[in-house]
Amino acid sequence: MKASVSEFNAYRAKQNKRLLESDNLVIKRLYSLDSRAYQAGALSVPTKEMLGLAMSLVLRCDDCVKYHLEQAMQAQVSEAEILEVLALAQLVGGTIVIPHARRAIEWWDYLHESASNSKA
């Protein structure tokens, strides 16, 4: 993988901090809305993360895919569930989603490998 999980998260945190420091009210409200939208409600957190993953795949946002995969792993989404999400996203999004699904499963494997290595 080009960037490790920690590198990806560090970059994301650094750039989010930079944007939020701009003191732009719209940016701050959008970030707050995004955070709140993925909290448990009528839908569970794992369900919301799977929905976020599917939408990110169809919209072809690799950074979003990585983020939702990590959140899904933390929410204890199973690999079987992830594979169904990948299948549905490819069905809805068409063949253009296939490369994103390949990178998604690679990142999923990398997340699990990194988690296993940190426990050792």
N, C-alpha and C. Protein backbone atom coordinates (compact mmCIF):
# COMPACT_ATOMS: atom_id res chain seq x y z
N MET A 1 0.85 -1.18 0.00
CA MET A 1 0.00 0.00 0.00
C MET A 1 0.90 1.24 0.00
N LYS A 2 0.48 2.22 -0.75
CA LYS A 2 1.28 3.44 -0.84
C LYS A 2 1.39 4.15 0.51
N ALA A 3 0.31 4.20 1.23
CA ALA A 3 0.33 4.88 2.53
C ALA A 3 -0.23 3.93 3.58
N SER A 4 0.41 3.93 4.71
CA SER A 4 -0.07 3.08 5.80
C SER A 4 -1.34 3.68 6.38
N VAL A 5 -2.01 2.89 7.18
CA VAL A 5 -3.23 3.36 7.85
C VAL A 5 -2.91 4.59 8.69
N SER A 6 -1.83 4.53 9.45
CA SER A 6 -1.48 5.68 10.30
C SER A 6 -1.12 6.91 9.46
N GLU A 7 -0.45 6.72 8.33
CA GLU A 7 -0.12 7.85 7.45
C GLU A 7 -1.39 8.47 6.87
N PHE A 8 -2.30 7.62 6.43
CA PHE A 8 -3.57 8.10 5.88
C PHE A 8 -4.34 8.89 6.93
N ASN A 9 -4.43 8.34 8.13
CA ASN A 9 -5.18 9.01 9.21
C ASN A 9 -4.49 10.30 9.65
N ALA A 10 -3.16 10.30 9.68
CA ALA A 10 -2.43 11.51 10.07
C ALA A 10 -2.63 12.62 9.03
N TYR A 11 -2.55 12.26 7.77
CA TYR A 11 -2.76 13.24 6.70
C TYR A 11 -4.18 13.81 6.77
N ARG A 12 -5.14 12.91 6.93
CA ARG A 12 -6.55 13.31 7.00
C ARG A 12 -6.78 14.25 8.18
N ALA A 13 -6.25 13.91 9.34
CA ALA A 13 -6.40 14.75 10.53
C ALA A 13 -5.74 16.11 10.34
N LYS A 14 -4.54 16.10 9.76
CA LYS A 14 -3.81 17.36 9.54
C LYS A 14 -4.59 18.29 8.61
N GLN A 15 -5.08 17.76 7.52
CA GLN A 15 -5.77 18.60 6.55
C GLN A 15 -7.16 19.01 7.05
N ASN A 16 -7.82 18.14 7.80
CA ASN A 16 -9.10 18.52 8.41
C ASN A 16 -8.89 19.67 9.39
N LYS A 17 -7.83 19.57 10.19
CA LYS A 17 -7.50 20.63 11.16
C LYS A 17 -7.25 21.94 10.43
N ARG A 18 -6.51 21.86 9.34
CA ARG A 18 -6.21 23.06 8.55
C ARG A 18 -7.50 23.71 8.04
N LEU A 19 -8.41 22.90 7.51
CA LEU A 19 -9.67 23.44 7.01
C LEU A 19 -10.52 24.03 8.13
N LEU A 20 -10.57 23.33 9.25
CA LEU A 20 -11.39 23.81 10.36
C LEU A 20 -10.82 25.07 11.01
N GLU A 21 -9.50 25.24 10.94
CA GLU A 21 -8.88 26.45 11.47
C GLU A 21 -9.19 27.68 10.64
N SER A 22 -9.71 27.48 9.45
CA SER A 22 -10.04 28.61 8.58
C SER A 22 -11.19 29.43 9.16
N ASP A 23 -11.87 28.85 10.15
CA ASP A 23 -12.99 29.50 10.82
C ASP A 23 -14.12 29.82 9.85
N ASN A 24 -14.29 28.97 8.85
CA ASN A 24 -15.37 29.11 7.90
C ASN A 24 -16.59 28.39 8.46
N LEU A 25 -17.66 29.10 8.69
CA LEU A 25 -18.84 28.54 9.33
C LEU A 25 -19.46 27.40 8.52
N VAL A 26 -19.49 27.51 7.21
CA VAL A 26 -20.08 26.46 6.37
C VAL A 26 -19.27 25.18 6.50
N ILE A 27 -17.94 25.28 6.45
CA ILE A 27 -17.08 24.11 6.59
C ILE A 27 -17.30 23.47 7.96
N LYS A 28 -17.31 24.27 9.01
CA LYS A 28 -17.51 23.73 10.36
C LYS A 28 -18.85 23.03 10.49
N ARG A 29 -19.90 23.62 9.95
CA ARG A 29 -21.22 23.01 10.04
C ARG A 29 -21.30 21.73 9.22
N LEU A 30 -20.67 21.71 8.07
CA LEU A 30 -20.68 20.51 7.24
C LEU A 30 -19.95 19.37 7.94
N TYR A 31 -18.81 19.66 8.54
CA TYR A 31 -18.06 18.62 9.27
C TYR A 31 -18.89 18.10 10.45
N SER A 32 -19.56 19.02 11.16
CA SER A 32 -20.39 18.61 12.28
C SER A 32 -21.55 17.75 11.82
N LEU A 33 -22.20 18.14 10.75
CA LEU A 33 -23.31 17.37 10.21
C LEU A 33 -22.85 15.98 9.79
N ASP A 34 -21.70 15.91 9.13
CA ASP A 34 -21.16 14.62 8.69
C ASP A 34 -20.90 13.71 9.89
N SER A 35 -20.29 14.24 10.94
CA SER A 35 -20.01 13.44 12.13
C SER A 35 -21.29 12.95 12.79
N ARG A 36 -22.27 13.81 12.89
CA ARG A 36 -23.53 13.45 13.53
C ARG A 36 -24.32 12.45 12.71
N ALA A 37 -24.23 12.54 11.40
CA ALA A 37 -25.00 11.66 10.52
C ALA A 37 -24.63 10.20 10.70
N TYR A 38 -23.39 9.92 11.08
CA TYR A 38 -22.91 8.54 11.21
C TYR A 38 -23.04 8.00 12.63
N GLN A 39 -23.66 8.76 13.52
CA GLN A 39 -23.94 8.25 14.87
C GLN A 39 -25.17 7.35 14.81
N ALA A 40 -25.28 6.47 15.81
CA ALA A 40 -26.43 5.57 15.85
C ALA A 40 -27.73 6.37 15.93
N GLY A 41 -28.71 5.88 15.22
CA GLY A 41 -30.05 6.48 15.23
C GLY A 41 -31.01 5.36 14.89
N ALA A 42 -31.93 5.62 13.99
CA ALA A 42 -32.83 4.56 13.53
C ALA A 42 -32.02 3.45 12.85
N LEU A 43 -30.91 3.84 12.24
CA LEU A 43 -29.97 2.88 11.64
C LEU A 43 -28.77 2.75 12.57
N SER A 44 -28.24 1.55 12.65
CA SER A 44 -27.05 1.30 13.47
C SER A 44 -25.81 1.90 12.83
N VAL A 45 -24.77 2.08 13.63
CA VAL A 45 -23.50 2.59 13.10
C VAL A 45 -22.95 1.66 12.01
N PRO A 46 -22.92 0.33 12.21
CA PRO A 46 -22.42 -0.53 11.13
C PRO A 46 -23.21 -0.36 9.82
N THR A 47 -24.52 -0.24 9.93
CA THR A 47 -25.35 -0.05 8.73
C THR A 47 -25.01 1.26 8.04
N LYS A 48 -24.86 2.32 8.83
CA LYS A 48 -24.52 3.62 8.25
C LYS A 48 -23.15 3.59 7.58
N GLU A 49 -22.20 2.89 8.19
CA GLU A 49 -20.87 2.80 7.58
C GLU A 49 -20.91 2.01 6.27
N MET A 50 -21.73 0.97 6.23
CA MET A 50 -21.87 0.21 4.98
C MET A 50 -22.54 1.06 3.90
N LEU A 51 -23.52 1.87 4.29
CA LEU A 51 -24.14 2.78 3.34
C LEU A 51 -23.13 3.82 2.84
N GLY A 52 -22.37 4.37 3.78
CA GLY A 52 -21.33 5.33 3.40
C GLY A 52 -20.32 4.71 2.45
N LEU A 53 -19.95 3.46 2.72
CA LEU A 53 -19.01 2.76 1.84
C LEU A 53 -19.60 2.58 0.45
N ALA A 54 -20.84 2.13 0.37
CA ALA A 54 -21.47 1.92 -0.93
C ALA A 54 -21.55 3.22 -1.73
N MET A 55 -21.97 4.28 -1.06
CA MET A 55 -22.07 5.57 -1.77
C MET A 55 -20.70 6.07 -2.20
N SER A 56 -19.70 5.88 -1.37
CA SER A 56 -18.34 6.31 -1.70
C SER A 56 -17.80 5.55 -2.90
N LEU A 57 -18.11 4.26 -2.96
CA LEU A 57 -17.68 3.46 -4.11
C LEU A 57 -18.35 3.95 -5.39
N VAL A 58 -19.66 4.15 -5.34
CA VAL A 58 -20.39 4.59 -6.53
C VAL A 58 -19.93 5.98 -6.97
N LEU A 59 -19.61 6.84 -5.99
CA LEU A 59 -19.10 8.18 -6.32
C LEU A 59 -17.61 8.18 -6.64
N ARG A 60 -16.96 7.03 -6.44
CA ARG A 60 -15.56 6.81 -6.78
C ARG A 60 -14.60 7.72 -5.99
N CYS A 61 -14.84 7.80 -4.69
CA CYS A 61 -13.98 8.57 -3.80
C CYS A 61 -13.12 7.60 -2.98
N ASP A 62 -11.90 7.36 -3.42
CA ASP A 62 -11.04 6.39 -2.74
C ASP A 62 -10.74 6.78 -1.30
N ASP A 63 -10.54 8.06 -1.01
CA ASP A 63 -10.30 8.47 0.38
C ASP A 63 -11.51 8.14 1.25
N CYS A 64 -12.70 8.40 0.72
CA CYS A 64 -13.93 8.10 1.47
C CYS A 64 -14.08 6.60 1.67
N VAL A 65 -13.74 5.82 0.65
CA VAL A 65 -13.80 4.36 0.76
C VAL A 65 -12.89 3.90 1.89
N LYS A 66 -11.67 4.39 1.92
CA LYS A 66 -10.72 4.01 2.98
C LYS A 66 -11.27 4.37 4.35
N TYR A 67 -11.80 5.57 4.47
CA TYR A 67 -12.34 6.03 5.74
C TYR A 67 -13.48 5.12 6.20
N HIS A 68 -14.44 4.86 5.32
CA HIS A 68 -15.60 4.05 5.71
C HIS A 68 -15.21 2.59 5.97
N LEU A 69 -14.21 2.10 5.28
CA LEU A 69 -13.74 0.73 5.58
C LEU A 69 -13.16 0.67 6.99
N GLU A 70 -12.37 1.64 7.35
CA GLU A 70 -11.80 1.64 8.70
C GLU A 70 -12.90 1.78 9.76
N GLN A 71 -13.85 2.66 9.51
CA GLN A 71 -14.96 2.82 10.45
C GLN A 71 -15.79 1.54 10.52
N ALA A 72 -15.99 0.88 9.39
CA ALA A 72 -16.75 -0.37 9.37
C ALA A 72 -16.02 -1.45 10.15
N MET A 73 -14.71 -1.51 10.01
CA MET A 73 -13.94 -2.49 10.76
C MET A 73 -14.09 -2.24 12.26
N GLN A 74 -13.99 -0.98 12.66
CA GLN A 74 -14.14 -0.63 14.07
C GLN A 74 -15.55 -0.94 14.58
N ALA A 75 -16.54 -0.88 13.68
CA ALA A 75 -17.92 -1.18 14.05
C ALA A 75 -18.23 -2.68 13.92
N GLN A 76 -17.18 -3.46 13.68
CA GLN A 76 -17.25 -4.92 13.61
C GLN A 76 -18.12 -5.43 12.46
N VAL A 77 -18.06 -4.73 11.33
CA VAL A 77 -18.70 -5.22 10.12
C VAL A 77 -17.88 -6.40 9.62
N SER A 78 -18.52 -7.45 9.21
CA SER A 78 -17.81 -8.65 8.77
C SER A 78 -17.33 -8.52 7.32
N GLU A 79 -16.38 -9.35 6.96
CA GLU A 79 -15.90 -9.35 5.58
C GLU A 79 -17.01 -9.75 4.62
N ALA A 80 -17.85 -10.69 5.03
CA ALA A 80 -18.97 -11.09 4.17
C ALA A 80 -19.88 -9.89 3.89
N GLU A 81 -20.12 -9.07 4.90
CA GLU A 81 -20.95 -7.87 4.71
C GLU A 81 -20.25 -6.88 3.77
N ILE A 82 -18.95 -6.71 3.96
CA ILE A 82 -18.18 -5.80 3.09
C ILE A 82 -18.26 -6.27 1.64
N LEU A 83 -18.11 -7.57 1.42
CA LEU A 83 -18.16 -8.09 0.05
C LEU A 83 -19.54 -7.88 -0.58
N GLU A 84 -20.59 -7.98 0.21
CA GLU A 84 -21.93 -7.69 -0.33
C GLU A 84 -22.07 -6.22 -0.69
N VAL A 85 -21.51 -5.35 0.13
CA VAL A 85 -21.53 -3.92 -0.18
C VAL A 85 -20.76 -3.66 -1.48
N LEU A 86 -19.58 -4.28 -1.62
CA LEU A 86 -18.80 -4.11 -2.85
C LEU A 86 -19.58 -4.59 -4.06
N ALA A 87 -20.27 -5.71 -3.92
CA ALA A 87 -21.06 -6.26 -5.03
C ALA A 87 -22.19 -5.32 -5.41
N LEU A 88 -22.92 -4.82 -4.41
CA LEU A 88 -24.03 -3.92 -4.69
C LEU A 88 -23.55 -2.61 -5.32
N ALA A 89 -22.44 -2.09 -4.82
CA ALA A 89 -21.91 -0.84 -5.37
C ALA A 89 -21.50 -1.02 -6.82
N GLN A 90 -20.92 -2.17 -7.14
CA GLN A 90 -20.55 -2.43 -8.53
C GLN A 90 -21.79 -2.59 -9.40
N LEU A 91 -22.81 -3.23 -8.87
CA LEU A 91 -24.05 -3.41 -9.62
C LEU A 91 -24.69 -2.06 -9.92
N VAL A 92 -24.77 -1.19 -8.91
CA VAL A 92 -25.39 0.12 -9.08
C VAL A 92 -24.50 1.05 -9.90
N GLY A 93 -23.21 1.05 -9.60
CA GLY A 93 -22.29 2.00 -10.23
C GLY A 93 -21.76 1.56 -11.58
N GLY A 94 -21.85 0.29 -11.88
CA GLY A 94 -21.35 -0.21 -13.15
C GLY A 94 -19.88 -0.60 -13.07
N THR A 95 -19.37 -1.00 -14.21
CA THR A 95 -18.01 -1.53 -14.26
C THR A 95 -16.94 -0.50 -13.90
N ILE A 96 -17.26 0.78 -13.97
CA ILE A 96 -16.28 1.80 -13.59
C ILE A 96 -15.93 1.73 -12.11
N VAL A 97 -16.78 1.07 -11.31
CA VAL A 97 -16.54 0.93 -9.87
C VAL A 97 -15.57 -0.21 -9.58
N ILE A 98 -15.36 -1.12 -10.52
CA ILE A 98 -14.51 -2.29 -10.29
C ILE A 98 -13.13 -1.92 -9.76
N PRO A 99 -12.40 -0.96 -10.36
CA PRO A 99 -11.08 -0.63 -9.81
C PRO A 99 -11.15 -0.13 -8.36
N HIS A 100 -12.21 0.58 -8.03
CA HIS A 100 -12.38 1.09 -6.67
C HIS A 100 -12.68 -0.06 -5.70
N ALA A 101 -13.42 -1.05 -6.18
CA ALA A 101 -13.69 -2.23 -5.36
C ALA A 101 -12.40 -3.02 -5.12
N ARG A 102 -11.55 -3.10 -6.14
CA ARG A 102 -10.25 -3.78 -5.96
C ARG A 102 -9.42 -3.08 -4.91
N ARG A 103 -9.34 -1.75 -5.01
CA ARG A 103 -8.56 -1.00 -4.01
C ARG A 103 -9.21 -1.11 -2.63
N ALA A 104 -10.54 -1.17 -2.60
CA ALA A 104 -11.25 -1.29 -1.32
C ALA A 104 -10.91 -2.59 -0.62
N ILE A 105 -10.94 -3.70 -1.34
CA ILE A 105 -10.65 -4.99 -0.69
C ILE A 105 -9.17 -5.07 -0.31
N GLU A 106 -8.32 -4.42 -1.09
CA GLU A 106 -6.90 -4.36 -0.74
C GLU A 106 -6.73 -3.59 0.57
N TRP A 107 -7.44 -2.45 0.72
CA TRP A 107 -7.35 -1.65 1.94
C TRP A 107 -7.95 -2.41 3.12
N TRP A 108 -9.05 -3.12 2.90
CA TRP A 108 -9.68 -3.94 3.95
C TRP A 108 -8.67 -4.95 4.47
N ASP A 109 -8.00 -5.65 3.55
CA ASP A 109 -6.98 -6.63 3.94
C ASP A 109 -5.84 -5.94 4.71
N TYR A 110 -5.45 -4.77 4.22
CA TYR A 110 -4.37 -4.02 4.86
C TYR A 110 -4.77 -3.58 6.27
N LEU A 111 -6.01 -3.15 6.44
CA LEU A 111 -6.50 -2.77 7.77
C LEU A 111 -6.41 -3.93 8.74
N HIS A 112 -6.81 -5.11 8.27
CA HIS A 112 -6.76 -6.29 9.14
C HIS A 112 -5.33 -6.72 9.42
N GLU A 113 -4.48 -6.63 8.43
CA GLU A 113 -3.07 -6.95 8.62
C GLU A 113 -2.43 -5.99 9.62
N SER A 114 -2.74 -4.70 9.48
CA SER A 114 -2.19 -3.70 10.40
C SER A 114 -2.70 -3.90 11.81
N ALA A 115 -3.98 -4.25 11.94
CA ALA A 115 -4.55 -4.52 13.28
C ALA A 115 -3.90 -5.74 13.90
N SER A 116 -3.66 -6.77 13.11
CA SER A 116 -3.01 -7.99 13.62
C SER A 116 -1.58 -7.70 14.06
N ASN A 117 -0.87 -6.90 13.28
CA ASN A 117 0.52 -6.57 13.61
C ASN A 117 0.61 -5.71 14.87
N SER A 118 -0.38 -4.85 15.09
CA SER A 118 -0.33 -4.00 16.28
C SER A 118 -0.65 -4.78 17.56
N LYS A 119 -1.35 -5.91 17.42
CA LYS A 119 -1.67 -6.75 18.58
C LYS A 119 -0.51 -7.67 18.95
N ALA A 120 0.38 -7.90 17.98
CA ALA A 120 1.49 -8.83 18.21
C ALA A 120 2.60 -8.22 19.04
